């Protein structure tokens, strides 16, 4: 009988000495740019400089987050100042839209976009044009290819979109 209280006391002592939840490896404010390899905070200029040296940049987004779209456009504009861009690949485009995209690209030749750009591109209503339009419009006016990279059979499973900047 004396053994039971001793075992209970040891069990309680063991539970008490267990460490709590560990802090995250990097304490940073929301919106900070953290290089995961070194846990070092980067400035926007440092980020663009590092990404400009890479042959491909792949960016994820939450489809309905306007901040993500604004950051993508900022990054595309910033990268365009740092290096020539070869192509922008978008999940939101389907292979059957590619001829329309190419036709609009040729017709504007860096100039004014058509008034009904979503209609001309056969843009799918499931992708909010108010979020994607600025990025697509910028890409169409620049000397880079805008290319589909969609997987129609898996779109319901995809929670983050990807666009890729390629040299």
Foldseek 3Di string as FASTA:
>chain_A
DVVVVVVVVVVVVVVVPDDDDDDDPEDDDPPWDADVVVRDTDDPVRVLVVVLPDQKDKDKDQQPDLVSLVVVQVSVVSSVVVDPWAAKEWQQADPVLQVLLVVQLVVQQLHDHDPPNCVSSVGDPVRPCVSCVVVSVVRSNDPYYYHYDHDVVCPVVDRIIMMMTGD
